Amino acid sequence: MQEGLNPSMQTRLKVLVASANTGKVAEYRALLHGLECDLLSLRDVGINGDVAETGSTYEENARLKAVQYAARSGLLTLADDSGLEVDALGGEPGVHSARYAGPEANDAQRAAHLLRLLQQVSPLGRSARFVCVIAIATPAGEIRLCRGETTGHIAMKPGGDGGFGYDPVFVPEGLDQTMAQLPPEVKNRLSHRGRAAAAARPLLRQFIDAAKTR
């Protein structure tokens, strides 16, 4: 499964990021930079096919993915589930964020669909939050969970071409730029994924330290 990996990577703990989304994997590599491990994507280890996200909460979905991909890969696995919760929509799209505009919609179409639903909502009524839950699972089934949130509001129109997902329409609290307009180092400090990754960092370090003693 892992043929062709750089031989230098064999001396460090390998951690699977349970995603084929290149933007998400790149973001985790930046967020977790400095840890003595190598973050691999599903493509890196030759895994195809999705895990059904049948949970009703971020925690349930993150756990499902982490456990199943850890078992399939034999690697320590980091999986997340994240979503955008808009108060004017009763907390939607929430855990359905990736499929809110239909299963085949791309990022731009999802953002456009959200803005259409909010077109009659004033700027003062567009409060929202990004939520991310990370699950870290071992092949033996040990699991750790951590959570990050970022509050803000939905912009009146998209702005910026950085990031992915709903980043072009989400403005963090206290700022006047969308997530997609922020420099990566600022976004990573403020984002829900950045905050969840900060909580995950010491947990991953424990696994790294344990691997060194084996």
N, C-alpha and C. Protein backbone atom coordinates (compact mmCIF):
# COMPACT_ATOMS: atom_id res chain seq x y z
N MET A 1 0.81 -1.21 0.00
CA MET A 1 0.00 0.00 0.00
C MET A 1 0.85 1.26 0.00
N GLN A 2 2.02 1.18 0.64
CA GLN A 2 2.81 2.38 0.78
C GLN A 2 4.10 2.31 -0.04
N GLU A 3 4.12 1.50 -1.11
CA GLU A 3 5.28 1.43 -1.95
C GLU A 3 5.51 2.77 -2.63
N GLY A 4 6.77 3.12 -2.82
CA GLY A 4 7.07 4.35 -3.53
C GLY A 4 7.24 5.54 -2.64
N LEU A 5 7.00 5.40 -1.33
CA LEU A 5 7.21 6.52 -0.42
C LEU A 5 8.70 6.79 -0.29
N ASN A 6 9.05 8.03 -0.10
CA ASN A 6 10.43 8.43 0.08
C ASN A 6 11.04 7.65 1.25
N PRO A 7 12.21 7.01 1.04
CA PRO A 7 12.81 6.23 2.12
C PRO A 7 13.05 7.03 3.38
N SER A 8 13.29 8.36 3.24
CA SER A 8 13.54 9.18 4.42
C SER A 8 12.31 9.28 5.31
N MET A 9 11.12 9.00 4.74
CA MET A 9 9.89 9.09 5.51
C MET A 9 9.71 7.87 6.42
N GLN A 10 10.48 6.81 6.15
CA GLN A 10 10.28 5.58 6.90
C GLN A 10 10.75 5.68 8.35
N THR A 11 11.58 6.68 8.65
CA THR A 11 12.13 6.80 10.00
C THR A 11 11.24 7.63 10.91
N ARG A 12 10.17 8.19 10.40
CA ARG A 12 9.29 9.04 11.18
C ARG A 12 7.90 8.43 11.25
N LEU A 13 7.18 8.77 12.30
CA LEU A 13 5.81 8.28 12.44
C LEU A 13 4.97 8.81 11.28
N LYS A 14 4.23 7.92 10.66
CA LYS A 14 3.34 8.32 9.57
C LYS A 14 1.94 8.49 10.13
N VAL A 15 1.32 9.58 9.79
CA VAL A 15 -0.04 9.87 10.22
C VAL A 15 -0.89 10.09 8.98
N LEU A 16 -1.95 9.33 8.86
CA LEU A 16 -2.85 9.47 7.72
C LEU A 16 -3.87 10.57 8.00
N VAL A 17 -3.96 11.55 7.11
CA VAL A 17 -5.02 12.54 7.15
C VAL A 17 -6.14 11.99 6.27
N ALA A 18 -7.26 11.65 6.85
CA ALA A 18 -8.30 10.91 6.15
C ALA A 18 -9.07 11.81 5.20
N SER A 19 -8.39 12.23 4.15
CA SER A 19 -9.01 13.09 3.16
C SER A 19 -8.27 12.97 1.84
N ALA A 20 -9.02 13.09 0.74
CA ALA A 20 -8.42 13.18 -0.58
C ALA A 20 -8.43 14.63 -1.06
N ASN A 21 -8.93 15.53 -0.21
CA ASN A 21 -9.00 16.95 -0.53
C ASN A 21 -7.60 17.55 -0.36
N THR A 22 -6.96 17.91 -1.47
CA THR A 22 -5.58 18.40 -1.41
C THR A 22 -5.47 19.68 -0.61
N GLY A 23 -6.51 20.53 -0.66
CA GLY A 23 -6.48 21.78 0.11
C GLY A 23 -6.49 21.51 1.60
N LYS A 24 -7.31 20.55 2.03
CA LYS A 24 -7.39 20.22 3.45
C LYS A 24 -6.08 19.60 3.94
N VAL A 25 -5.52 18.68 3.16
CA VAL A 25 -4.28 18.04 3.57
C VAL A 25 -3.15 19.05 3.66
N ALA A 26 -3.08 19.96 2.69
CA ALA A 26 -2.06 21.01 2.72
C ALA A 26 -2.23 21.90 3.94
N GLU A 27 -3.47 22.18 4.29
CA GLU A 27 -3.74 23.01 5.45
C GLU A 27 -3.27 22.32 6.73
N TYR A 28 -3.52 21.02 6.85
CA TYR A 28 -3.06 20.30 8.03
C TYR A 28 -1.54 20.23 8.10
N ARG A 29 -0.90 20.11 6.95
CA ARG A 29 0.57 20.11 6.96
C ARG A 29 1.11 21.43 7.48
N ALA A 30 0.43 22.52 7.15
CA ALA A 30 0.85 23.83 7.67
C ALA A 30 0.51 23.96 9.15
N LEU A 31 -0.68 23.53 9.54
CA LEU A 31 -1.12 23.67 10.92
C LEU A 31 -0.29 22.84 11.89
N LEU A 32 0.16 21.68 11.42
CA LEU A 32 0.89 20.76 12.30
C LEU A 32 2.39 20.75 11.99
N HIS A 33 2.85 21.77 11.29
CA HIS A 33 4.27 21.87 10.95
C HIS A 33 5.12 21.85 12.22
N GLY A 34 6.22 21.14 12.15
CA GLY A 34 7.13 21.07 13.29
C GLY A 34 7.01 19.80 14.09
N LEU A 35 5.90 19.10 13.96
CA LEU A 35 5.77 17.80 14.62
C LEU A 35 6.63 16.77 13.89
N GLU A 36 7.21 15.86 14.63
CA GLU A 36 8.08 14.84 14.03
C GLU A 36 7.26 13.69 13.49
N CYS A 37 6.47 14.00 12.48
CA CYS A 37 5.67 12.98 11.81
C CYS A 37 5.47 13.41 10.37
N ASP A 38 5.06 12.46 9.54
CA ASP A 38 4.77 12.74 8.14
C ASP A 38 3.29 12.55 7.89
N LEU A 39 2.64 13.59 7.42
CA LEU A 39 1.21 13.53 7.15
C LEU A 39 0.98 13.06 5.72
N LEU A 40 0.23 12.00 5.59
CA LEU A 40 -0.06 11.40 4.30
C LEU A 40 -1.54 11.52 3.99
N SER A 41 -1.85 11.68 2.72
CA SER A 41 -3.25 11.72 2.29
C SER A 41 -3.72 10.32 1.92
N LEU A 42 -5.02 10.18 1.71
CA LEU A 42 -5.55 8.89 1.26
C LEU A 42 -4.91 8.47 -0.06
N ARG A 43 -4.67 9.44 -0.93
CA ARG A 43 -4.03 9.12 -2.22
C ARG A 43 -2.61 8.62 -2.02
N ASP A 44 -1.90 9.20 -1.04
CA ASP A 44 -0.52 8.79 -0.78
C ASP A 44 -0.43 7.31 -0.43
N VAL A 45 -1.44 6.80 0.27
CA VAL A 45 -1.39 5.40 0.71
C VAL A 45 -2.27 4.49 -0.15
N GLY A 46 -2.80 5.02 -1.24
CA GLY A 46 -3.54 4.20 -2.19
C GLY A 46 -4.92 3.78 -1.76
N ILE A 47 -5.56 4.57 -0.90
CA ILE A 47 -6.92 4.24 -0.46
C ILE A 47 -7.92 5.04 -1.28
N ASN A 48 -8.87 4.34 -1.86
CA ASN A 48 -9.96 4.98 -2.59
C ASN A 48 -11.28 4.65 -1.91
N GLY A 49 -12.28 5.46 -2.18
CA GLY A 49 -13.60 5.21 -1.60
C GLY A 49 -13.80 5.97 -0.32
N ASP A 50 -15.03 6.42 -0.15
CA ASP A 50 -15.38 7.23 1.02
C ASP A 50 -15.98 6.38 2.13
N VAL A 51 -15.83 6.86 3.34
CA VAL A 51 -16.55 6.30 4.48
C VAL A 51 -17.87 7.05 4.60
N ALA A 52 -18.97 6.33 4.70
CA ALA A 52 -20.28 6.97 4.81
C ALA A 52 -20.38 7.76 6.10
N GLU A 53 -20.68 9.04 5.97
CA GLU A 53 -20.81 9.92 7.14
C GLU A 53 -22.26 9.89 7.60
N THR A 54 -22.59 8.85 8.35
CA THR A 54 -23.97 8.63 8.76
C THR A 54 -24.29 9.20 10.14
N GLY A 55 -23.31 9.81 10.79
CA GLY A 55 -23.53 10.37 12.11
C GLY A 55 -24.38 11.63 12.07
N SER A 56 -24.97 11.96 13.21
CA SER A 56 -25.79 13.17 13.31
C SER A 56 -25.02 14.32 13.94
N THR A 57 -23.77 14.08 14.33
CA THR A 57 -22.93 15.13 14.92
C THR A 57 -21.55 15.09 14.27
N TYR A 58 -20.81 16.18 14.41
CA TYR A 58 -19.43 16.22 13.91
C TYR A 58 -18.59 15.13 14.58
N GLU A 59 -18.79 14.97 15.88
CA GLU A 59 -18.01 13.98 16.62
C GLU A 59 -18.23 12.57 16.07
N GLU A 60 -19.49 12.22 15.79
CA GLU A 60 -19.78 10.88 15.29
C GLU A 60 -19.14 10.65 13.93
N ASN A 61 -19.24 11.63 13.05
CA ASN A 61 -18.68 11.48 11.70
C ASN A 61 -17.15 11.43 11.72
N ALA A 62 -16.53 12.28 12.53
CA ALA A 62 -15.07 12.26 12.62
C ALA A 62 -14.59 10.92 13.16
N ARG A 63 -15.28 10.40 14.16
CA ARG A 63 -14.93 9.12 14.75
C ARG A 63 -15.07 7.98 13.72
N LEU A 64 -16.17 7.98 12.97
CA LEU A 64 -16.40 6.95 11.96
C LEU A 64 -15.24 6.91 10.96
N LYS A 65 -14.86 8.08 10.46
CA LYS A 65 -13.81 8.12 9.45
C LYS A 65 -12.46 7.72 10.02
N ALA A 66 -12.14 8.24 11.20
CA ALA A 66 -10.83 7.95 11.80
C ALA A 66 -10.67 6.45 12.06
N VAL A 67 -11.69 5.84 12.64
CA VAL A 67 -11.60 4.42 13.00
C VAL A 67 -11.50 3.55 11.75
N GLN A 68 -12.34 3.82 10.76
CA GLN A 68 -12.34 2.96 9.58
C GLN A 68 -11.08 3.11 8.74
N TYR A 69 -10.59 4.35 8.58
CA TYR A 69 -9.39 4.54 7.78
C TYR A 69 -8.15 4.04 8.53
N ALA A 70 -8.14 4.14 9.85
CA ALA A 70 -7.01 3.59 10.62
C ALA A 70 -6.95 2.08 10.45
N ALA A 71 -8.12 1.44 10.48
CA ALA A 71 -8.15 -0.01 10.31
C ALA A 71 -7.70 -0.42 8.91
N ARG A 72 -8.11 0.36 7.91
CA ARG A 72 -7.77 0.02 6.52
C ARG A 72 -6.30 0.28 6.21
N SER A 73 -5.74 1.31 6.80
CA SER A 73 -4.37 1.71 6.48
C SER A 73 -3.31 1.12 7.41
N GLY A 74 -3.72 0.77 8.62
CA GLY A 74 -2.75 0.35 9.62
C GLY A 74 -1.94 1.50 10.17
N LEU A 75 -2.40 2.73 9.97
CA LEU A 75 -1.68 3.92 10.41
C LEU A 75 -2.48 4.72 11.44
N LEU A 76 -1.77 5.43 12.29
CA LEU A 76 -2.43 6.44 13.12
C LEU A 76 -3.15 7.40 12.18
N THR A 77 -4.42 7.66 12.45
CA THR A 77 -5.24 8.41 11.48
C THR A 77 -5.92 9.60 12.13
N LEU A 78 -5.83 10.73 11.43
CA LEU A 78 -6.51 11.96 11.83
C LEU A 78 -7.64 12.21 10.84
N ALA A 79 -8.85 12.30 11.35
CA ALA A 79 -10.01 12.60 10.51
C ALA A 79 -10.78 13.74 11.14
N ASP A 80 -11.39 14.55 10.31
CA ASP A 80 -12.21 15.61 10.89
C ASP A 80 -13.58 15.64 10.23
N ASP A 81 -14.50 16.27 10.93
CA ASP A 81 -15.76 16.64 10.33
C ASP A 81 -15.99 18.09 10.71
N SER A 82 -16.38 18.87 9.74
CA SER A 82 -16.54 20.29 10.00
C SER A 82 -17.76 20.80 9.27
N GLY A 83 -18.22 21.94 9.69
CA GLY A 83 -19.40 22.50 9.05
C GLY A 83 -19.60 23.95 9.41
N LEU A 84 -20.50 24.56 8.68
CA LEU A 84 -20.88 25.95 8.88
C LEU A 84 -22.28 25.98 9.45
N GLU A 85 -22.46 26.68 10.56
CA GLU A 85 -23.78 26.80 11.19
C GLU A 85 -24.24 28.26 11.10
N VAL A 86 -25.35 28.47 10.42
CA VAL A 86 -25.88 29.82 10.20
C VAL A 86 -27.13 29.99 11.04
N ASP A 87 -27.12 30.99 11.91
CA ASP A 87 -28.23 31.16 12.85
C ASP A 87 -29.56 31.42 12.14
N ALA A 88 -29.53 32.20 11.07
CA ALA A 88 -30.77 32.52 10.34
C ALA A 88 -31.37 31.29 9.67
N LEU A 89 -30.57 30.24 9.52
CA LEU A 89 -31.06 29.00 8.91
C LEU A 89 -31.26 27.91 9.96
N GLY A 90 -31.37 28.31 11.22
CA GLY A 90 -31.59 27.35 12.28
C GLY A 90 -30.40 26.43 12.53
N GLY A 91 -29.20 26.92 12.22
CA GLY A 91 -28.01 26.11 12.42
C GLY A 91 -27.57 25.32 11.21
N GLU A 92 -28.35 25.37 10.14
CA GLU A 92 -27.93 24.71 8.90
C GLU A 92 -26.82 25.52 8.23
N PRO A 93 -26.02 24.87 7.36
CA PRO A 93 -26.10 23.48 6.94
C PRO A 93 -25.48 22.46 7.91
N GLY A 94 -24.67 22.90 8.86
CA GLY A 94 -24.16 22.00 9.89
C GLY A 94 -23.41 20.81 9.32
N VAL A 95 -23.75 19.61 9.79
CA VAL A 95 -23.05 18.40 9.35
C VAL A 95 -23.30 18.11 7.87
N HIS A 96 -24.26 18.79 7.27
CA HIS A 96 -24.56 18.58 5.85
C HIS A 96 -23.90 19.63 4.97
N SER A 97 -22.94 20.37 5.49
CA SER A 97 -22.34 21.49 4.76
C SER A 97 -21.80 21.10 3.39
N ALA A 98 -21.12 19.96 3.31
CA ALA A 98 -20.50 19.56 2.05
C ALA A 98 -21.53 19.14 1.00
N ARG A 99 -22.74 18.79 1.44
CA ARG A 99 -23.75 18.30 0.50
C ARG A 99 -24.97 19.21 0.44
N TYR A 100 -24.85 20.41 0.99
CA TYR A 100 -26.00 21.29 1.16
C TYR A 100 -26.62 21.72 -0.16
N ALA A 101 -25.81 21.88 -1.19
CA ALA A 101 -26.31 22.29 -2.50
C ALA A 101 -26.44 21.11 -3.46
N GLY A 102 -26.38 19.90 -2.92
CA GLY A 102 -26.44 18.70 -3.74
C GLY A 102 -25.11 17.97 -3.72
N PRO A 103 -25.14 16.64 -3.91
CA PRO A 103 -23.92 15.84 -3.77
C PRO A 103 -22.84 16.14 -4.80
N GLU A 104 -23.21 16.71 -5.94
CA GLU A 104 -22.23 16.98 -7.00
C GLU A 104 -21.79 18.44 -7.03
N ALA A 105 -22.29 19.27 -6.15
CA ALA A 105 -21.97 20.70 -6.18
C ALA A 105 -20.51 20.94 -5.80
N ASN A 106 -19.90 21.95 -6.41
CA ASN A 106 -18.54 22.33 -6.05
C ASN A 106 -18.59 23.46 -5.02
N ASP A 107 -17.42 23.91 -4.59
CA ASP A 107 -17.36 24.93 -3.54
C ASP A 107 -18.11 26.20 -3.94
N ALA A 108 -17.89 26.67 -5.15
CA ALA A 108 -18.54 27.91 -5.59
C ALA A 108 -20.06 27.76 -5.61
N GLN A 109 -20.54 26.61 -6.03
CA GLN A 109 -21.99 26.37 -6.08
C GLN A 109 -22.58 26.29 -4.68
N ARG A 110 -21.85 25.69 -3.75
CA ARG A 110 -22.34 25.63 -2.37
C ARG A 110 -22.44 27.03 -1.77
N ALA A 111 -21.43 27.85 -1.99
CA ALA A 111 -21.45 29.21 -1.47
C ALA A 111 -22.58 30.01 -2.10
N ALA A 112 -22.77 29.85 -3.40
CA ALA A 112 -23.84 30.58 -4.09
C ALA A 112 -25.21 30.16 -3.57
N HIS A 113 -25.38 28.88 -3.33
CA HIS A 113 -26.65 28.37 -2.79
C HIS A 113 -26.93 28.98 -1.42
N LEU A 114 -25.91 29.05 -0.58
CA LEU A 114 -26.08 29.64 0.75
C LEU A 114 -26.47 31.10 0.64
N LEU A 115 -25.81 31.84 -0.22
CA LEU A 115 -26.12 33.26 -0.37
C LEU A 115 -27.54 33.48 -0.89
N ARG A 116 -28.00 32.60 -1.76
CA ARG A 116 -29.39 32.72 -2.25
C ARG A 116 -30.38 32.54 -1.10
N LEU A 117 -30.11 31.60 -0.21
CA LEU A 117 -31.01 31.37 0.92
C LEU A 117 -31.03 32.57 1.88
N LEU A 118 -29.96 33.33 1.89
CA LEU A 118 -29.84 34.46 2.83
C LEU A 118 -30.06 35.81 2.16
N GLN A 119 -30.53 35.83 0.93
CA GLN A 119 -30.58 37.09 0.19
C GLN A 119 -31.55 38.10 0.81
N GLN A 120 -32.53 37.65 1.59
CA GLN A 120 -33.45 38.57 2.25
C GLN A 120 -33.03 38.88 3.70
N VAL A 121 -31.89 38.35 4.12
CA VAL A 121 -31.42 38.54 5.50
C VAL A 121 -30.43 39.69 5.55
N SER A 122 -30.65 40.62 6.46
CA SER A 122 -29.79 41.80 6.57
C SER A 122 -28.43 41.42 7.12
N PRO A 123 -27.43 42.30 6.97
CA PRO A 123 -26.09 42.02 7.50
C PRO A 123 -26.10 41.71 8.99
N LEU A 124 -27.00 42.34 9.75
CA LEU A 124 -27.03 42.12 11.19
C LEU A 124 -27.60 40.76 11.57
N GLY A 125 -28.27 40.11 10.63
CA GLY A 125 -28.90 38.82 10.94
C GLY A 125 -28.17 37.63 10.34
N ARG A 126 -26.91 37.81 9.97
CA ARG A 126 -26.19 36.75 9.24
C ARG A 126 -25.10 36.10 10.09
N SER A 127 -25.31 36.07 11.40
CA SER A 127 -24.31 35.47 12.29
C SER A 127 -24.16 33.99 12.00
N ALA A 128 -22.93 33.49 12.18
CA ALA A 128 -22.63 32.10 11.85
C ALA A 128 -21.38 31.66 12.59
N ARG A 129 -21.12 30.38 12.54
CA ARG A 129 -19.89 29.85 13.12
C ARG A 129 -19.42 28.65 12.32
N PHE A 130 -18.11 28.52 12.23
CA PHE A 130 -17.48 27.32 11.69
C PHE A 130 -17.14 26.41 12.86
N VAL A 131 -17.37 25.12 12.71
CA VAL A 131 -17.05 24.13 13.74
C VAL A 131 -16.22 23.02 13.10
N CYS A 132 -15.19 22.57 13.82
CA CYS A 132 -14.39 21.44 13.36
C CYS A 132 -14.12 20.51 14.54
N VAL A 133 -14.36 19.24 14.34
CA VAL A 133 -14.01 18.22 15.33
C VAL A 133 -13.00 17.27 14.69
N ILE A 134 -11.88 17.07 15.36
CA ILE A 134 -10.85 16.14 14.91
C ILE A 134 -10.91 14.88 15.76
N ALA A 135 -10.85 13.75 15.11
CA ALA A 135 -10.70 12.46 15.79
C ALA A 135 -9.36 11.87 15.39
N ILE A 136 -8.62 11.39 16.36
CA ILE A 136 -7.36 10.70 16.12
C ILE A 136 -7.55 9.26 16.58
N ALA A 137 -7.32 8.32 15.66
CA ALA A 137 -7.56 6.90 15.98
C ALA A 137 -6.33 6.07 15.65
N THR A 138 -6.05 5.10 16.49
CA THR A 138 -5.00 4.13 16.22
C THR A 138 -5.62 2.93 15.50
N PRO A 139 -4.80 2.12 14.83
CA PRO A 139 -5.35 0.91 14.20
C PRO A 139 -6.01 -0.03 15.20
N ALA A 140 -5.61 0.07 16.47
CA ALA A 140 -6.20 -0.79 17.51
C ALA A 140 -7.52 -0.24 18.03
N GLY A 141 -7.90 0.97 17.60
CA GLY A 141 -9.20 1.51 17.99
C GLY A 141 -9.18 2.54 19.10
N GLU A 142 -8.00 2.93 19.58
CA GLU A 142 -7.93 4.01 20.58
C GLU A 142 -8.28 5.33 19.89
N ILE A 143 -9.10 6.16 20.54
CA ILE A 143 -9.60 7.38 19.90
C ILE A 143 -9.45 8.57 20.84
N ARG A 144 -9.05 9.70 20.27
CA ARG A 144 -9.03 10.98 20.97
C ARG A 144 -9.81 11.99 20.13
N LEU A 145 -10.54 12.88 20.78
CA LEU A 145 -11.33 13.90 20.09
C LEU A 145 -10.96 15.29 20.56
N CYS A 146 -11.00 16.26 19.65
CA CYS A 146 -10.84 17.67 20.03
C CYS A 146 -11.66 18.54 19.07
N ARG A 147 -11.96 19.74 19.53
CA ARG A 147 -12.93 20.59 18.82
C ARG A 147 -12.43 22.03 18.72
N GLY A 148 -12.76 22.70 17.63
CA GLY A 148 -12.45 24.11 17.46
C GLY A 148 -13.61 24.84 16.82
N GLU A 149 -13.83 26.10 17.20
CA GLU A 149 -14.91 26.91 16.65
C GLU A 149 -14.41 28.31 16.33
N THR A 150 -15.00 28.91 15.30
CA THR A 150 -14.73 30.29 14.95
C THR A 150 -16.06 30.98 14.65
N THR A 151 -16.35 32.05 15.36
CA THR A 151 -17.60 32.78 15.14
C THR A 151 -17.38 33.91 14.14
N GLY A 152 -18.48 34.33 13.52
CA GLY A 152 -18.39 35.41 12.55
C GLY A 152 -19.74 35.64 11.89
N HIS A 153 -19.73 36.03 10.62
CA HIS A 153 -20.99 36.22 9.90
C HIS A 153 -20.78 35.91 8.42
N ILE A 154 -21.90 35.75 7.72
CA ILE A 154 -21.88 35.47 6.28
C ILE A 154 -21.87 36.79 5.51
N ALA A 155 -20.91 36.91 4.62
CA ALA A 155 -20.79 38.12 3.80
C ALA A 155 -21.98 38.24 2.83
N MET A 156 -22.15 39.44 2.28
CA MET A 156 -23.21 39.65 1.31
C MET A 156 -22.86 39.08 -0.06
N LYS A 157 -21.56 38.94 -0.33
CA LYS A 157 -21.11 38.35 -1.58
C LYS A 157 -19.74 37.71 -1.35
N PRO A 158 -19.35 36.78 -2.23
CA PRO A 158 -18.06 36.11 -2.04
C PRO A 158 -16.89 37.09 -2.17
N GLY A 159 -15.81 36.77 -1.47
CA GLY A 159 -14.60 37.58 -1.57
C GLY A 159 -13.37 36.73 -1.36
N GLY A 160 -12.38 36.89 -2.23
CA GLY A 160 -11.12 36.17 -2.08
C GLY A 160 -11.10 34.85 -2.80
N ASP A 161 -9.90 34.37 -3.08
CA ASP A 161 -9.76 33.10 -3.80
C ASP A 161 -8.86 32.12 -3.05
N GLY A 162 -8.62 32.37 -1.78
CA GLY A 162 -7.84 31.43 -0.97
C GLY A 162 -8.76 30.45 -0.28
N GLY A 163 -8.15 29.45 0.37
CA GLY A 163 -8.93 28.49 1.14
C GLY A 163 -9.81 27.62 0.26
N PHE A 164 -10.87 27.10 0.84
CA PHE A 164 -11.79 26.23 0.13
C PHE A 164 -13.11 26.21 0.89
N GLY A 165 -14.08 25.46 0.38
CA GLY A 165 -15.37 25.38 1.06
C GLY A 165 -16.09 26.73 1.09
N TYR A 166 -16.58 27.09 2.27
CA TYR A 166 -17.33 28.34 2.43
C TYR A 166 -16.43 29.52 2.82
N ASP A 167 -15.12 29.34 2.74
CA ASP A 167 -14.21 30.42 3.13
C ASP A 167 -14.50 31.76 2.45
N PRO A 168 -14.89 31.79 1.15
CA PRO A 168 -15.11 33.09 0.50
C PRO A 168 -16.33 33.86 1.01
N VAL A 169 -17.20 33.23 1.81
CA VAL A 169 -18.39 33.95 2.27
C VAL A 169 -18.44 34.06 3.80
N PHE A 170 -17.41 33.63 4.49
CA PHE A 170 -17.40 33.68 5.96
C PHE A 170 -16.39 34.72 6.44
N VAL A 171 -16.89 35.67 7.24
CA VAL A 171 -16.06 36.74 7.80
C VAL A 171 -15.91 36.48 9.30
N PRO A 172 -14.67 36.22 9.79
CA PRO A 172 -14.49 35.99 11.23
C PRO A 172 -14.82 37.22 12.04
N GLU A 173 -15.29 37.00 13.25
CA GLU A 173 -15.67 38.08 14.15
C GLU A 173 -14.50 39.05 14.35
N GLY A 174 -14.81 40.36 14.24
CA GLY A 174 -13.81 41.39 14.46
C GLY A 174 -13.02 41.77 13.23
N LEU A 175 -13.26 41.08 12.10
CA LEU A 175 -12.54 41.38 10.86
C LEU A 175 -13.51 41.83 9.79
N ASP A 176 -12.96 42.38 8.71
CA ASP A 176 -13.81 42.79 7.59
C ASP A 176 -13.41 42.08 6.31
N GLN A 177 -12.65 41.01 6.45
CA GLN A 177 -12.27 40.19 5.30
C GLN A 177 -12.79 38.77 5.49
N THR A 178 -13.08 38.12 4.37
CA THR A 178 -13.50 36.73 4.45
C THR A 178 -12.28 35.84 4.75
N MET A 179 -12.55 34.61 5.14
CA MET A 179 -11.48 33.64 5.35
C MET A 179 -10.61 33.50 4.11
N ALA A 180 -11.25 33.58 2.93
CA ALA A 180 -10.52 33.40 1.67
C ALA A 180 -9.64 34.59 1.33
N GLN A 181 -9.83 35.72 2.00
CA GLN A 181 -9.01 36.91 1.76
C GLN A 181 -7.86 37.05 2.74
N LEU A 182 -7.86 36.25 3.78
CA LEU A 182 -6.84 36.38 4.82
C LEU A 182 -5.54 35.68 4.40
N PRO A 183 -4.39 36.22 4.80
CA PRO A 183 -3.14 35.49 4.59
C PRO A 183 -3.22 34.15 5.30
N PRO A 184 -2.60 33.11 4.73
CA PRO A 184 -2.71 31.77 5.32
C PRO A 184 -2.34 31.71 6.80
N GLU A 185 -1.31 32.46 7.21
CA GLU A 185 -0.90 32.38 8.61
C GLU A 185 -1.95 32.98 9.54
N VAL A 186 -2.69 33.98 9.07
CA VAL A 186 -3.76 34.57 9.88
C VAL A 186 -4.95 33.63 9.92
N LYS A 187 -5.33 33.11 8.76
CA LYS A 187 -6.45 32.16 8.71
C LYS A 187 -6.18 30.96 9.60
N ASN A 188 -4.98 30.41 9.54
CA ASN A 188 -4.67 29.21 10.32
C ASN A 188 -4.74 29.46 11.82
N ARG A 189 -4.47 30.70 12.23
CA ARG A 189 -4.55 31.03 13.65
C ARG A 189 -5.99 31.18 14.12
N LEU A 190 -6.85 31.68 13.23
CA LEU A 190 -8.23 32.01 13.61
C LEU A 190 -9.24 30.91 13.28
N SER A 191 -8.92 30.06 12.35
CA SER A 191 -9.93 29.16 11.82
C SER A 191 -10.32 28.06 12.81
N HIS A 192 -11.51 27.52 12.59
CA HIS A 192 -12.00 26.39 13.38
C HIS A 192 -11.05 25.20 13.26
N ARG A 193 -10.55 24.97 12.05
CA ARG A 193 -9.62 23.85 11.85
C ARG A 193 -8.29 24.13 12.55
N GLY A 194 -7.85 25.39 12.50
CA GLY A 194 -6.62 25.75 13.18
C GLY A 194 -6.73 25.57 14.68
N ARG A 195 -7.87 25.92 15.24
CA ARG A 195 -8.06 25.77 16.69
C ARG A 195 -8.18 24.30 17.08
N ALA A 196 -8.86 23.51 16.25
CA ALA A 196 -8.94 22.08 16.54
C ALA A 196 -7.56 21.43 16.41
N ALA A 197 -6.79 21.86 15.41
CA ALA A 197 -5.44 21.31 15.22
C ALA A 197 -4.53 21.68 16.37
N ALA A 198 -4.69 22.89 16.90
CA ALA A 198 -3.89 23.29 18.06
C ALA A 198 -4.17 22.38 19.25
N ALA A 199 -5.43 21.99 19.41
CA ALA A 199 -5.79 21.06 20.49
C ALA A 199 -5.28 19.65 20.19
N ALA A 200 -5.20 19.30 18.91
CA ALA A 200 -4.74 17.96 18.52
C ALA A 200 -3.23 17.83 18.62
N ARG A 201 -2.52 18.93 18.51
CA ARG A 201 -1.05 18.87 18.48
C ARG A 201 -0.44 18.14 19.68
N PRO A 202 -0.82 18.48 20.92
CA PRO A 202 -0.22 17.74 22.04
C PRO A 202 -0.61 16.27 22.08
N LEU A 203 -1.81 15.95 21.56
CA LEU A 203 -2.21 14.54 21.51
C LEU A 203 -1.34 13.77 20.51
N LEU A 204 -1.10 14.39 19.36
CA LEU A 204 -0.24 13.75 18.37
C LEU A 204 1.18 13.60 18.90
N ARG A 205 1.63 14.60 19.65
CA ARG A 205 2.99 14.52 20.21
C ARG A 205 3.11 13.34 21.16
N GLN A 206 2.05 13.03 21.89
CA GLN A 206 2.08 11.86 22.78
C GLN A 206 2.25 10.57 21.97
N PHE A 207 1.54 10.47 20.85
CA PHE A 207 1.69 9.28 20.00
C PHE A 207 3.09 9.21 19.40
N ILE A 208 3.63 10.36 19.00
CA ILE A 208 4.97 10.41 18.42
C ILE A 208 6.00 9.96 19.46
N ASP A 209 5.88 10.48 20.68
CA ASP A 209 6.82 10.11 21.73
C ASP A 209 6.72 8.63 22.07
N ALA A 210 5.49 8.10 22.07
CA ALA A 210 5.32 6.68 22.36
C ALA A 210 5.94 5.82 21.26
N ALA A 211 5.84 6.27 20.00
CA ALA A 211 6.40 5.51 18.89
C ALA A 211 7.93 5.46 18.97
N LYS A 212 8.54 6.51 19.52
CA LYS A 212 10.00 6.54 19.63
C LYS A 212 10.53 5.51 20.62
N THR A 213 9.68 5.11 21.57
CA THR A 213 10.15 4.18 22.59
C THR A 213 9.96 2.72 22.20
N ARG A 214 9.32 2.48 21.06
CA ARG A 214 9.07 1.10 20.65
C ARG A 214 10.31 0.47 20.04
